[in-house]
ModelCIF file with pLDDT and N, C-alpha, C, O atoms, coordinates in Angstrom:
data_MODEL
#
_entry.id   MODEL 
#
_entity.id                         1 
_entity.type                       polymer 
_entity.pdbx_number_of_molecules   1 
#
_entity_poly.entity_id                      1 
_entity_poly.type                           'polypeptide(L)' 
_entity_poly.nstd_linkage                   no 
_entity_poly.nstd_monomer                   no 
_entity_poly.pdbx_seq_one_letter_code       VVGSTMGSLAELGRLARLCATTGMRPLVDDVLPLAEVAEGLRRLEAG 
_entity_poly.pdbx_seq_one_letter_code_can   VVGSTMGSLAELGRLARLCATTGMRPLVDDVLPLAEVAEGLRRLEAG 
_entity_poly.pdbx_strand_id                 A 
#
loop_
_entity_poly_seq.entity_id 
_entity_poly_seq.num 
_entity_poly_seq.mon_id 
_entity_poly_seq.hetero 
1 1  VAL n 
1 2  VAL n 
1 3  GLY n 
1 4  SER n 
1 5  THR n 
1 6  MET n 
1 7  GLY n 
1 8  SER n 
1 9  LEU n 
1 10 ALA n 
1 11 GLU n 
1 12 LEU n 
1 13 GLY n 
1 14 ARG n 
1 15 LEU n 
1 16 ALA n 
1 17 ARG n 
1 18 LEU n 
1 19 CYS n 
1 20 ALA n 
1 21 THR n 
1 22 THR n 
1 23 GLY n 
1 24 MET n 
1 25 ARG n 
1 26 PRO n 
1 27 LEU n 
1 28 VAL n 
1 29 ASP n 
1 30 ASP n 
1 31 VAL n 
1 32 LEU n 
1 33 PRO n 
1 34 LEU n 
1 35 ALA n 
1 36 GLU n 
1 37 VAL n 
1 38 ALA n 
1 39 GLU n 
1 40 GLY n 
1 41 LEU n 
1 42 ARG n 
1 43 ARG n 
1 44 LEU n 
1 45 GLU n 
1 46 ALA n 
1 47 GLY n 
#
_struct_asym.id          A 
_struct_asym.entity_id   1 
#
loop_
_ma_qa_metric.id 
_ma_qa_metric.mode 
_ma_qa_metric.name 
_ma_qa_metric.software_group_id 
_ma_qa_metric.type 
1 global pLDDT . pLDDT 
2 local  pLDDT . pLDDT 
#
_ma_qa_metric_global.metric_id      1 
_ma_qa_metric_global.metric_value   96.51 
_ma_qa_metric_global.model_id       1 
_ma_qa_metric_global.ordinal_id     1 
#
loop_
_ma_qa_metric_local.label_asym_id 
_ma_qa_metric_local.label_comp_id 
_ma_qa_metric_local.label_seq_id 
_ma_qa_metric_local.metric_id 
_ma_qa_metric_local.metric_value 
_ma_qa_metric_local.model_id 
_ma_qa_metric_local.ordinal_id 
A VAL 1  2 98.00 1 1  
A VAL 2  2 98.00 1 2  
A GLY 3  2 97.00 1 3  
A SER 4  2 97.00 1 4  
A THR 5  2 95.00 1 5  
A MET 6  2 96.00 1 6  
A GLY 7  2 97.00 1 7  
A SER 8  2 97.00 1 8  
A LEU 9  2 96.00 1 9  
A ALA 10 2 96.00 1 10 
A GLU 11 2 98.00 1 11 
A LEU 12 2 98.00 1 12 
A GLY 13 2 97.00 1 13 
A ARG 14 2 97.00 1 14 
A LEU 15 2 98.00 1 15 
A ALA 16 2 98.00 1 16 
A ARG 17 2 97.00 1 17 
A LEU 18 2 97.00 1 18 
A CYS 19 2 97.00 1 19 
A ALA 20 2 97.00 1 20 
A THR 21 2 95.00 1 21 
A THR 22 2 94.00 1 22 
A GLY 23 2 94.00 1 23 
A MET 24 2 95.00 1 24 
A ARG 25 2 96.00 1 25 
A PRO 26 2 96.00 1 26 
A LEU 27 2 94.00 1 27 
A VAL 28 2 96.00 1 28 
A ASP 29 2 96.00 1 29 
A ASP 30 2 97.00 1 30 
A VAL 31 2 98.00 1 31 
A LEU 32 2 98.00 1 32 
A PRO 33 2 98.00 1 33 
A LEU 34 2 97.00 1 34 
A ALA 35 2 97.00 1 35 
A GLU 36 2 97.00 1 36 
A VAL 37 2 98.00 1 37 
A ALA 38 2 97.00 1 38 
A GLU 39 2 97.00 1 39 
A GLY 40 2 98.00 1 40 
A LEU 41 2 98.00 1 41 
A ARG 42 2 97.00 1 42 
A ARG 43 2 97.00 1 43 
A LEU 44 2 96.00 1 44 
A GLU 45 2 94.00 1 45 
A ALA 46 2 94.00 1 46 
A GLY 47 2 91.00 1 47 
#
loop_
_atom_site.group_PDB 
_atom_site.id 
_atom_site.type_symbol 
_atom_site.label_atom_id 
_atom_site.label_alt_id 
_atom_site.label_comp_id 
_atom_site.label_asym_id 
_atom_site.label_entity_id 
_atom_site.label_seq_id 
_atom_site.pdbx_PDB_ins_code 
_atom_site.Cartn_x 
_atom_site.Cartn_y 
_atom_site.Cartn_z 
_atom_site.occupancy 
_atom_site.B_iso_or_equiv 
_atom_site.pdbx_formal_charge 
_atom_site.auth_seq_id 
_atom_site.auth_comp_id 
_atom_site.auth_asym_id 
_atom_site.auth_atom_id 
_atom_site.pdbx_PDB_model_num 
ATOM 1   N N  . VAL A 1 1  ? -124.913 -49.516 -3.376  1.00 98.00 ? 1  VAL A N  1 
ATOM 2   C CA . VAL A 1 1  ? -123.807 -47.970 -3.536  1.00 98.00 ? 1  VAL A CA 1 
ATOM 3   C C  . VAL A 1 1  ? -122.407 -49.208 -3.548  1.00 98.00 ? 1  VAL A C  1 
ATOM 4   O O  . VAL A 1 1  ? -122.140 -50.215 -2.892  1.00 98.00 ? 1  VAL A O  1 
ATOM 5   N N  . VAL A 1 2  ? -121.935 -48.655 -4.381  1.00 98.00 ? 2  VAL A N  1 
ATOM 6   C CA . VAL A 1 2  ? -120.655 -49.104 -5.211  1.00 98.00 ? 2  VAL A CA 1 
ATOM 7   C C  . VAL A 1 2  ? -119.239 -47.783 -4.730  1.00 98.00 ? 2  VAL A C  1 
ATOM 8   O O  . VAL A 1 2  ? -119.325 -46.559 -4.824  1.00 98.00 ? 2  VAL A O  1 
ATOM 9   N N  . GLY A 1 3  ? -118.119 -48.564 -4.259  1.00 97.00 ? 3  GLY A N  1 
ATOM 10  C CA . GLY A 1 3  ? -116.782 -47.772 -4.063  1.00 97.00 ? 3  GLY A CA 1 
ATOM 11  C C  . GLY A 1 3  ? -116.199 -47.673 -5.531  1.00 97.00 ? 3  GLY A C  1 
ATOM 12  O O  . GLY A 1 3  ? -116.171 -48.589 -6.353  1.00 97.00 ? 3  GLY A O  1 
ATOM 13  N N  . SER A 1 4  ? -115.790 -46.523 -5.677  1.00 97.00 ? 4  SER A N  1 
ATOM 14  C CA . SER A 1 4  ? -114.692 -46.171 -6.730  1.00 97.00 ? 4  SER A CA 1 
ATOM 15  C C  . SER A 1 4  ? -113.143 -45.461 -6.545  1.00 97.00 ? 4  SER A C  1 
ATOM 16  O O  . SER A 1 4  ? -112.992 -44.540 -5.742  1.00 97.00 ? 4  SER A O  1 
ATOM 17  N N  . THR A 1 5  ? -112.590 -45.715 -6.947  1.00 95.00 ? 5  THR A N  1 
ATOM 18  C CA . THR A 1 5  ? -111.542 -45.092 -6.583  1.00 95.00 ? 5  THR A CA 1 
ATOM 19  C C  . THR A 1 5  ? -110.366 -44.776 -7.778  1.00 95.00 ? 5  THR A C  1 
ATOM 20  O O  . THR A 1 5  ? -110.072 -45.837 -8.329  1.00 95.00 ? 5  THR A O  1 
ATOM 21  N N  . MET A 1 6  ? -109.723 -43.789 -8.252  1.00 96.00 ? 6  MET A N  1 
ATOM 22  C CA . MET A 1 6  ? -108.800 -43.584 -9.316  1.00 96.00 ? 6  MET A CA 1 
ATOM 23  C C  . MET A 1 6  ? -109.636 -44.281 -10.501 1.00 96.00 ? 6  MET A C  1 
ATOM 24  O O  . MET A 1 6  ? -110.823 -44.380 -10.810 1.00 96.00 ? 6  MET A O  1 
ATOM 25  N N  . GLY A 1 7  ? -108.281 -44.754 -11.051 1.00 97.00 ? 7  GLY A N  1 
ATOM 26  C CA . GLY A 1 7  ? -108.620 -46.041 -12.362 1.00 97.00 ? 7  GLY A CA 1 
ATOM 27  C C  . GLY A 1 7  ? -107.778 -46.753 -12.650 1.00 97.00 ? 7  GLY A C  1 
ATOM 28  O O  . GLY A 1 7  ? -106.883 -46.665 -11.809 1.00 97.00 ? 7  GLY A O  1 
ATOM 29  N N  . SER A 1 8  ? -107.503 -47.594 -13.568 1.00 97.00 ? 8  SER A N  1 
ATOM 30  C CA . SER A 1 8  ? -106.526 -48.274 -14.295 1.00 97.00 ? 8  SER A CA 1 
ATOM 31  C C  . SER A 1 8  ? -105.536 -47.536 -15.259 1.00 97.00 ? 8  SER A C  1 
ATOM 32  O O  . SER A 1 8  ? -105.439 -46.613 -16.068 1.00 97.00 ? 8  SER A O  1 
ATOM 33  N N  . LEU A 1 9  ? -105.050 -48.274 -14.808 1.00 96.00 ? 9  LEU A N  1 
ATOM 34  C CA . LEU A 1 9  ? -103.780 -47.734 -16.640 1.00 96.00 ? 9  LEU A CA 1 
ATOM 35  C C  . LEU A 1 9  ? -104.251 -48.058 -17.803 1.00 96.00 ? 9  LEU A C  1 
ATOM 36  O O  . LEU A 1 9  ? -103.953 -47.412 -18.808 1.00 96.00 ? 9  LEU A O  1 
ATOM 37  N N  . ALA A 1 10 ? -105.138 -49.216 -17.831 1.00 96.00 ? 10 ALA A N  1 
ATOM 38  C CA . ALA A 1 10 ? -106.316 -49.370 -19.054 1.00 96.00 ? 10 ALA A CA 1 
ATOM 39  C C  . ALA A 1 10 ? -107.186 -48.179 -19.750 1.00 96.00 ? 10 ALA A C  1 
ATOM 40  O O  . ALA A 1 10 ? -107.354 -47.786 -20.905 1.00 96.00 ? 10 ALA A O  1 
ATOM 41  N N  . GLU A 1 11 ? -107.608 -47.840 -18.578 1.00 98.00 ? 11 GLU A N  1 
ATOM 42  C CA . GLU A 1 11 ? -108.782 -46.701 -18.309 1.00 98.00 ? 11 GLU A CA 1 
ATOM 43  C C  . GLU A 1 11 ? -108.652 -45.232 -18.908 1.00 98.00 ? 11 GLU A C  1 
ATOM 44  O O  . GLU A 1 11 ? -109.261 -44.395 -19.574 1.00 98.00 ? 11 GLU A O  1 
ATOM 45  N N  . LEU A 1 12 ? -107.344 -45.491 -18.171 1.00 98.00 ? 12 LEU A N  1 
ATOM 46  C CA . LEU A 1 12 ? -106.457 -43.934 -18.458 1.00 98.00 ? 12 LEU A CA 1 
ATOM 47  C C  . LEU A 1 12 ? -106.461 -43.820 -20.110 1.00 98.00 ? 12 LEU A C  1 
ATOM 48  O O  . LEU A 1 12 ? -107.042 -43.006 -20.827 1.00 98.00 ? 12 LEU A O  1 
ATOM 49  N N  . GLY A 1 13 ? -105.649 -44.871 -20.433 1.00 97.00 ? 13 GLY A N  1 
ATOM 50  C CA . GLY A 1 13 ? -105.639 -44.843 -21.876 1.00 97.00 ? 13 GLY A CA 1 
ATOM 51  C C  . GLY A 1 13 ? -106.604 -44.737 -23.011 1.00 97.00 ? 13 GLY A C  1 
ATOM 52  O O  . GLY A 1 13 ? -106.451 -44.164 -24.090 1.00 97.00 ? 13 GLY A O  1 
ATOM 53  N N  . ARG A 1 14 ? -107.728 -45.467 -22.507 1.00 97.00 ? 14 ARG A N  1 
ATOM 54  C CA . ARG A 1 14 ? -109.010 -45.680 -22.943 1.00 97.00 ? 14 ARG A CA 1 
ATOM 55  C C  . ARG A 1 14 ? -109.849 -43.851 -23.412 1.00 97.00 ? 14 ARG A C  1 
ATOM 56  O O  . ARG A 1 14 ? -110.381 -43.346 -24.401 1.00 97.00 ? 14 ARG A O  1 
ATOM 57  N N  . LEU A 1 15 ? -109.495 -43.427 -21.952 1.00 98.00 ? 15 LEU A N  1 
ATOM 58  C CA . LEU A 1 15 ? -109.894 -41.741 -21.633 1.00 98.00 ? 15 LEU A CA 1 
ATOM 59  C C  . LEU A 1 15 ? -109.236 -40.969 -22.642 1.00 98.00 ? 15 LEU A C  1 
ATOM 60  O O  . LEU A 1 15 ? -109.829 -40.324 -23.508 1.00 98.00 ? 15 LEU A O  1 
ATOM 61  N N  . ALA A 1 16 ? -107.728 -41.070 -22.480 1.00 98.00 ? 16 ALA A N  1 
ATOM 62  C CA . ALA A 1 16 ? -107.173 -40.054 -24.062 1.00 98.00 ? 16 ALA A CA 1 
ATOM 63  C C  . ALA A 1 16 ? -107.560 -40.446 -24.827 1.00 98.00 ? 16 ALA A C  1 
ATOM 64  O O  . ALA A 1 16 ? -108.380 -39.682 -25.338 1.00 98.00 ? 16 ALA A O  1 
ATOM 65  N N  . ARG A 1 17 ? -107.458 -41.332 -25.313 1.00 97.00 ? 17 ARG A N  1 
ATOM 66  C CA . ARG A 1 17 ? -107.886 -41.799 -26.332 1.00 97.00 ? 17 ARG A CA 1 
ATOM 67  C C  . ARG A 1 17 ? -109.485 -41.061 -26.946 1.00 97.00 ? 17 ARG A C  1 
ATOM 68  O O  . ARG A 1 17 ? -109.760 -40.813 -28.120 1.00 97.00 ? 17 ARG A O  1 
ATOM 69  N N  . LEU A 1 18 ? -110.223 -40.870 -25.904 1.00 97.00 ? 18 LEU A N  1 
ATOM 70  C CA . LEU A 1 18 ? -111.822 -40.444 -26.325 1.00 97.00 ? 18 LEU A CA 1 
ATOM 71  C C  . LEU A 1 18 ? -111.828 -38.840 -25.978 1.00 97.00 ? 18 LEU A C  1 
ATOM 72  O O  . LEU A 1 18 ? -112.719 -38.138 -26.455 1.00 97.00 ? 18 LEU A O  1 
ATOM 73  N N  . CYS A 1 19 ? -110.721 -38.224 -25.058 1.00 97.00 ? 19 CYS A N  1 
ATOM 74  C CA . CYS A 1 19 ? -110.988 -37.135 -25.229 1.00 97.00 ? 19 CYS A CA 1 
ATOM 75  C C  . CYS A 1 19 ? -110.059 -36.530 -27.377 1.00 97.00 ? 19 CYS A C  1 
ATOM 76  O O  . CYS A 1 19 ? -110.446 -35.666 -28.163 1.00 97.00 ? 19 CYS A O  1 
ATOM 77  N N  . ALA A 1 20 ? -109.039 -37.373 -27.464 1.00 97.00 ? 20 ALA A N  1 
ATOM 78  C CA . ALA A 1 20 ? -108.662 -37.086 -28.476 1.00 97.00 ? 20 ALA A CA 1 
ATOM 79  C C  . ALA A 1 20 ? -109.775 -37.313 -30.023 1.00 97.00 ? 20 ALA A C  1 
ATOM 80  O O  . ALA A 1 20 ? -109.865 -36.745 -31.111 1.00 97.00 ? 20 ALA A O  1 
ATOM 81  N N  . THR A 1 21 ? -110.301 -38.179 -29.509 1.00 95.00 ? 21 THR A N  1 
ATOM 82  C CA . THR A 1 21 ? -111.287 -38.443 -31.065 1.00 95.00 ? 21 THR A CA 1 
ATOM 83  C C  . THR A 1 21 ? -112.599 -37.841 -30.957 1.00 95.00 ? 21 THR A C  1 
ATOM 84  O O  . THR A 1 21 ? -113.070 -37.627 -32.074 1.00 95.00 ? 21 THR A O  1 
ATOM 85  N N  . THR A 1 22 ? -113.437 -37.455 -29.899 1.00 94.00 ? 22 THR A N  1 
ATOM 86  C CA . THR A 1 22 ? -114.412 -36.943 -29.574 1.00 94.00 ? 22 THR A CA 1 
ATOM 87  C C  . THR A 1 22 ? -114.011 -35.417 -29.250 1.00 94.00 ? 22 THR A C  1 
ATOM 88  O O  . THR A 1 22 ? -114.978 -34.879 -28.712 1.00 94.00 ? 22 THR A O  1 
ATOM 89  N N  . GLY A 1 23 ? -113.104 -34.675 -29.365 1.00 94.00 ? 23 GLY A N  1 
ATOM 90  C CA . GLY A 1 23 ? -113.025 -33.340 -29.396 1.00 94.00 ? 23 GLY A CA 1 
ATOM 91  C C  . GLY A 1 23 ? -113.081 -32.797 -27.926 1.00 94.00 ? 23 GLY A C  1 
ATOM 92  O O  . GLY A 1 23 ? -112.772 -31.607 -27.879 1.00 94.00 ? 23 GLY A O  1 
ATOM 93  N N  . MET A 1 24 ? -113.461 -33.475 -26.446 1.00 95.00 ? 24 MET A N  1 
ATOM 94  C CA . MET A 1 24 ? -114.111 -33.223 -25.533 1.00 95.00 ? 24 MET A CA 1 
ATOM 95  C C  . MET A 1 24 ? -112.377 -32.687 -24.609 1.00 95.00 ? 24 MET A C  1 
ATOM 96  O O  . MET A 1 24 ? -111.352 -33.234 -25.018 1.00 95.00 ? 24 MET A O  1 
ATOM 97  N N  . ARG A 1 25 ? -112.294 -31.897 -23.718 1.00 96.00 ? 25 ARG A N  1 
ATOM 98  C CA . ARG A 1 25 ? -111.456 -31.370 -23.311 1.00 96.00 ? 25 ARG A CA 1 
ATOM 99  C C  . ARG A 1 25 ? -111.886 -30.958 -22.022 1.00 96.00 ? 25 ARG A C  1 
ATOM 100 O O  . ARG A 1 25 ? -113.003 -30.469 -21.852 1.00 96.00 ? 25 ARG A O  1 
ATOM 101 N N  . PRO A 1 26 ? -111.000 -31.141 -21.027 1.00 96.00 ? 26 PRO A N  1 
ATOM 102 C CA . PRO A 1 26 ? -110.501 -30.756 -19.799 1.00 96.00 ? 26 PRO A CA 1 
ATOM 103 C C  . PRO A 1 26 ? -111.159 -29.345 -19.437 1.00 96.00 ? 26 PRO A C  1 
ATOM 104 O O  . PRO A 1 26 ? -110.832 -28.494 -20.264 1.00 96.00 ? 26 PRO A O  1 
ATOM 105 N N  . LEU A 1 27 ? -112.028 -28.843 -18.390 1.00 94.00 ? 27 LEU A N  1 
ATOM 106 C CA . LEU A 1 27 ? -111.877 -27.377 -18.431 1.00 94.00 ? 27 LEU A CA 1 
ATOM 107 C C  . LEU A 1 27 ? -110.932 -27.138 -17.194 1.00 94.00 ? 27 LEU A C  1 
ATOM 108 O O  . LEU A 1 27 ? -110.950 -27.455 -16.004 1.00 94.00 ? 27 LEU A O  1 
ATOM 109 N N  . VAL A 1 28 ? -110.102 -26.434 -18.024 1.00 96.00 ? 28 VAL A N  1 
ATOM 110 C CA . VAL A 1 28 ? -108.988 -25.467 -17.156 1.00 96.00 ? 28 VAL A CA 1 
ATOM 111 C C  . VAL A 1 28 ? -109.483 -24.458 -16.816 1.00 96.00 ? 28 VAL A C  1 
ATOM 112 O O  . VAL A 1 28 ? -109.968 -23.649 -17.607 1.00 96.00 ? 28 VAL A O  1 
ATOM 113 N N  . ASP A 1 29 ? -109.451 -24.325 -15.615 1.00 96.00 ? 29 ASP A N  1 
ATOM 114 C CA . ASP A 1 29 ? -109.825 -22.610 -14.759 1.00 96.00 ? 29 ASP A CA 1 
ATOM 115 C C  . ASP A 1 29 ? -108.727 -21.791 -14.567 1.00 96.00 ? 29 ASP A C  1 
ATOM 116 O O  . ASP A 1 29 ? -108.873 -20.572 -14.472 1.00 96.00 ? 29 ASP A O  1 
ATOM 117 N N  . ASP A 1 30 ? -107.936 -22.181 -14.517 1.00 97.00 ? 30 ASP A N  1 
ATOM 118 C CA . ASP A 1 30 ? -106.355 -21.411 -14.816 1.00 97.00 ? 30 ASP A CA 1 
ATOM 119 C C  . ASP A 1 30 ? -104.966 -21.928 -14.433 1.00 97.00 ? 30 ASP A C  1 
ATOM 120 O O  . ASP A 1 30 ? -104.920 -22.836 -13.603 1.00 97.00 ? 30 ASP A O  1 
ATOM 121 N N  . VAL A 1 31 ? -103.667 -21.380 -15.022 1.00 98.00 ? 31 VAL A N  1 
ATOM 122 C CA . VAL A 1 31 ? -102.622 -21.968 -15.435 1.00 98.00 ? 31 VAL A CA 1 
ATOM 123 C C  . VAL A 1 31 ? -101.700 -21.200 -14.251 1.00 98.00 ? 31 VAL A C  1 
ATOM 124 O O  . VAL A 1 31 ? -102.004 -20.012 -14.143 1.00 98.00 ? 31 VAL A O  1 
ATOM 125 N N  . LEU A 1 32 ? -101.006 -21.494 -13.660 1.00 98.00 ? 32 LEU A N  1 
ATOM 126 C CA . LEU A 1 32 ? -100.163 -20.740 -12.534 1.00 98.00 ? 32 LEU A CA 1 
ATOM 127 C C  . LEU A 1 32 ? -98.704  -21.578 -12.587 1.00 98.00 ? 32 LEU A C  1 
ATOM 128 O O  . LEU A 1 32 ? -98.548  -22.796 -12.667 1.00 98.00 ? 32 LEU A O  1 
ATOM 129 N N  . PRO A 1 33 ? -97.539  -20.362 -12.506 1.00 98.00 ? 33 PRO A N  1 
ATOM 130 C CA . PRO A 1 33 ? -96.268  -21.096 -12.482 1.00 98.00 ? 33 PRO A CA 1 
ATOM 131 C C  . PRO A 1 33 ? -96.198  -22.115 -11.022 1.00 98.00 ? 33 PRO A C  1 
ATOM 132 O O  . PRO A 1 33 ? -97.198  -22.413 -10.369 1.00 98.00 ? 33 PRO A O  1 
ATOM 133 N N  . LEU A 1 34 ? -95.098  -22.457 -10.769 1.00 97.00 ? 34 LEU A N  1 
ATOM 134 C CA . LEU A 1 34 ? -95.066  -23.206 -9.850  1.00 97.00 ? 34 LEU A CA 1 
ATOM 135 C C  . LEU A 1 34 ? -94.871  -22.570 -8.483  1.00 97.00 ? 34 LEU A C  1 
ATOM 136 O O  . LEU A 1 34 ? -95.299  -22.942 -7.391  1.00 97.00 ? 34 LEU A O  1 
ATOM 137 N N  . ALA A 1 35 ? -94.183  -21.610 -8.780  1.00 97.00 ? 35 ALA A N  1 
ATOM 138 C CA . ALA A 1 35 ? -93.668  -20.364 -7.692  1.00 97.00 ? 35 ALA A CA 1 
ATOM 139 C C  . ALA A 1 35 ? -94.696  -19.916 -6.577  1.00 97.00 ? 35 ALA A C  1 
ATOM 140 O O  . ALA A 1 35 ? -94.700  -19.663 -5.372  1.00 97.00 ? 35 ALA A O  1 
ATOM 141 N N  . GLU A 1 36 ? -95.889  -19.977 -8.051  1.00 97.00 ? 36 GLU A N  1 
ATOM 142 C CA . GLU A 1 36 ? -97.338  -19.675 -7.374  1.00 97.00 ? 36 GLU A CA 1 
ATOM 143 C C  . GLU A 1 36 ? -98.216  -20.376 -6.503  1.00 97.00 ? 36 GLU A C  1 
ATOM 144 O O  . GLU A 1 36 ? -99.163  -19.866 -5.904  1.00 97.00 ? 36 GLU A O  1 
ATOM 145 N N  . VAL A 1 37 ? -97.761  -21.915 -6.442  1.00 98.00 ? 37 VAL A N  1 
ATOM 146 C CA . VAL A 1 37 ? -98.691  -22.812 -6.347  1.00 98.00 ? 37 VAL A CA 1 
ATOM 147 C C  . VAL A 1 37 ? -99.607  -22.719 -4.960  1.00 98.00 ? 37 VAL A C  1 
ATOM 148 O O  . VAL A 1 37 ? -100.691 -23.282 -4.812  1.00 98.00 ? 37 VAL A O  1 
ATOM 149 N N  . ALA A 1 38 ? -98.927  -21.877 -3.965  1.00 97.00 ? 38 ALA A N  1 
ATOM 150 C CA . ALA A 1 38 ? -99.545  -21.632 -2.709  1.00 97.00 ? 38 ALA A CA 1 
ATOM 151 C C  . ALA A 1 38 ? -101.003 -20.917 -2.856  1.00 97.00 ? 38 ALA A C  1 
ATOM 152 O O  . ALA A 1 38 ? -101.972 -21.266 -2.181  1.00 97.00 ? 38 ALA A O  1 
ATOM 153 N N  . GLU A 1 39 ? -101.045 -19.535 -4.136  1.00 97.00 ? 39 GLU A N  1 
ATOM 154 C CA . GLU A 1 39 ? -102.067 -18.801 -4.204  1.00 97.00 ? 39 GLU A CA 1 
ATOM 155 C C  . GLU A 1 39 ? -103.291 -20.420 -5.157  1.00 97.00 ? 39 GLU A C  1 
ATOM 156 O O  . GLU A 1 39 ? -104.450 -20.641 -4.807  1.00 97.00 ? 39 GLU A O  1 
ATOM 157 N N  . GLY A 1 40 ? -102.773 -20.983 -5.943  1.00 98.00 ? 40 GLY A N  1 
ATOM 158 C CA . GLY A 1 40 ? -103.730 -21.937 -6.252  1.00 98.00 ? 40 GLY A CA 1 
ATOM 159 C C  . GLY A 1 40 ? -104.496 -22.595 -5.331  1.00 98.00 ? 40 GLY A C  1 
ATOM 160 O O  . GLY A 1 40 ? -105.718 -22.541 -5.190  1.00 98.00 ? 40 GLY A O  1 
ATOM 161 N N  . LEU A 1 41 ? -103.369 -23.463 -4.473  1.00 98.00 ? 41 LEU A N  1 
ATOM 162 C CA . LEU A 1 41 ? -103.998 -24.437 -3.360  1.00 98.00 ? 41 LEU A CA 1 
ATOM 163 C C  . LEU A 1 41 ? -105.030 -23.838 -2.292  1.00 98.00 ? 41 LEU A C  1 
ATOM 164 O O  . LEU A 1 41 ? -105.766 -24.498 -1.559  1.00 98.00 ? 41 LEU A O  1 
ATOM 165 N N  . ARG A 1 42 ? -104.907 -22.208 -2.376  1.00 97.00 ? 42 ARG A N  1 
ATOM 166 C CA . ARG A 1 42 ? -105.734 -21.638 -1.248  1.00 97.00 ? 42 ARG A CA 1 
ATOM 167 C C  . ARG A 1 42 ? -106.646 -21.473 -1.975  1.00 97.00 ? 42 ARG A C  1 
ATOM 168 O O  . ARG A 1 42 ? -107.673 -21.514 -1.298  1.00 97.00 ? 42 ARG A O  1 
ATOM 169 N N  . ARG A 1 43 ? -106.922 -21.257 -3.296  1.00 97.00 ? 43 ARG A N  1 
ATOM 170 C CA . ARG A 1 43 ? -108.217 -20.738 -3.923  1.00 97.00 ? 43 ARG A CA 1 
ATOM 171 C C  . ARG A 1 43 ? -108.931 -22.416 -4.007  1.00 97.00 ? 43 ARG A C  1 
ATOM 172 O O  . ARG A 1 43 ? -110.120 -22.658 -3.798  1.00 97.00 ? 43 ARG A O  1 
ATOM 173 N N  . LEU A 1 44 ? -108.014 -23.306 -4.316  1.00 96.00 ? 44 LEU A N  1 
ATOM 174 C CA . LEU A 1 44 ? -108.581 -24.900 -4.434  1.00 96.00 ? 44 LEU A CA 1 
ATOM 175 C C  . LEU A 1 44 ? -109.399 -25.087 -2.992  1.00 96.00 ? 44 LEU A C  1 
ATOM 176 O O  . LEU A 1 44 ? -110.498 -25.641 -2.952  1.00 96.00 ? 44 LEU A O  1 
ATOM 177 N N  . GLU A 1 45 ? -108.691 -24.529 -1.756  1.00 94.00 ? 45 GLU A N  1 
ATOM 178 C CA . GLU A 1 45 ? -109.380 -24.881 -0.460  1.00 94.00 ? 45 GLU A CA 1 
ATOM 179 C C  . GLU A 1 45 ? -110.887 -24.051 -0.302  1.00 94.00 ? 45 GLU A C  1 
ATOM 180 O O  . GLU A 1 45 ? -111.834 -24.554 0.301   1.00 94.00 ? 45 GLU A O  1 
ATOM 181 N N  . ALA A 1 46 ? -110.938 -22.737 -0.930  1.00 94.00 ? 46 ALA A N  1 
ATOM 182 C CA . ALA A 1 46 ? -111.485 -21.703 -0.336  1.00 94.00 ? 46 ALA A CA 1 
ATOM 183 C C  . ALA A 1 46 ? -113.049 -22.276 -1.730  1.00 94.00 ? 46 ALA A C  1 
ATOM 184 O O  . ALA A 1 46 ? -114.153 -21.732 -1.700  1.00 94.00 ? 46 ALA A O  1 
ATOM 185 N N  . GLY A 1 47 ? -112.724 -23.261 -2.619  1.00 91.00 ? 47 GLY A N  1 
ATOM 186 C CA . GLY A 1 47 ? -113.559 -23.494 -3.438  1.00 91.00 ? 47 GLY A CA 1 
ATOM 187 C C  . GLY A 1 47 ? -113.709 -22.401 -4.617  1.00 91.00 ? 47 GLY A C  1 
ATOM 188 O O  . GLY A 1 47 ? -114.546 -22.562 -5.505  1.00 91.00 ? 47 GLY A O  1 
#
């Protein structure tokens, strides 16, 4: 049983390079303006 929290700066750098070199990309569900952040948080809370 192994705990894991976030990651290091070095791991973040490796992750960014991995995405760049492989073409792998995060899945973005939607992009909202800051003024509509309440709607985004509501959707996140509702699953």
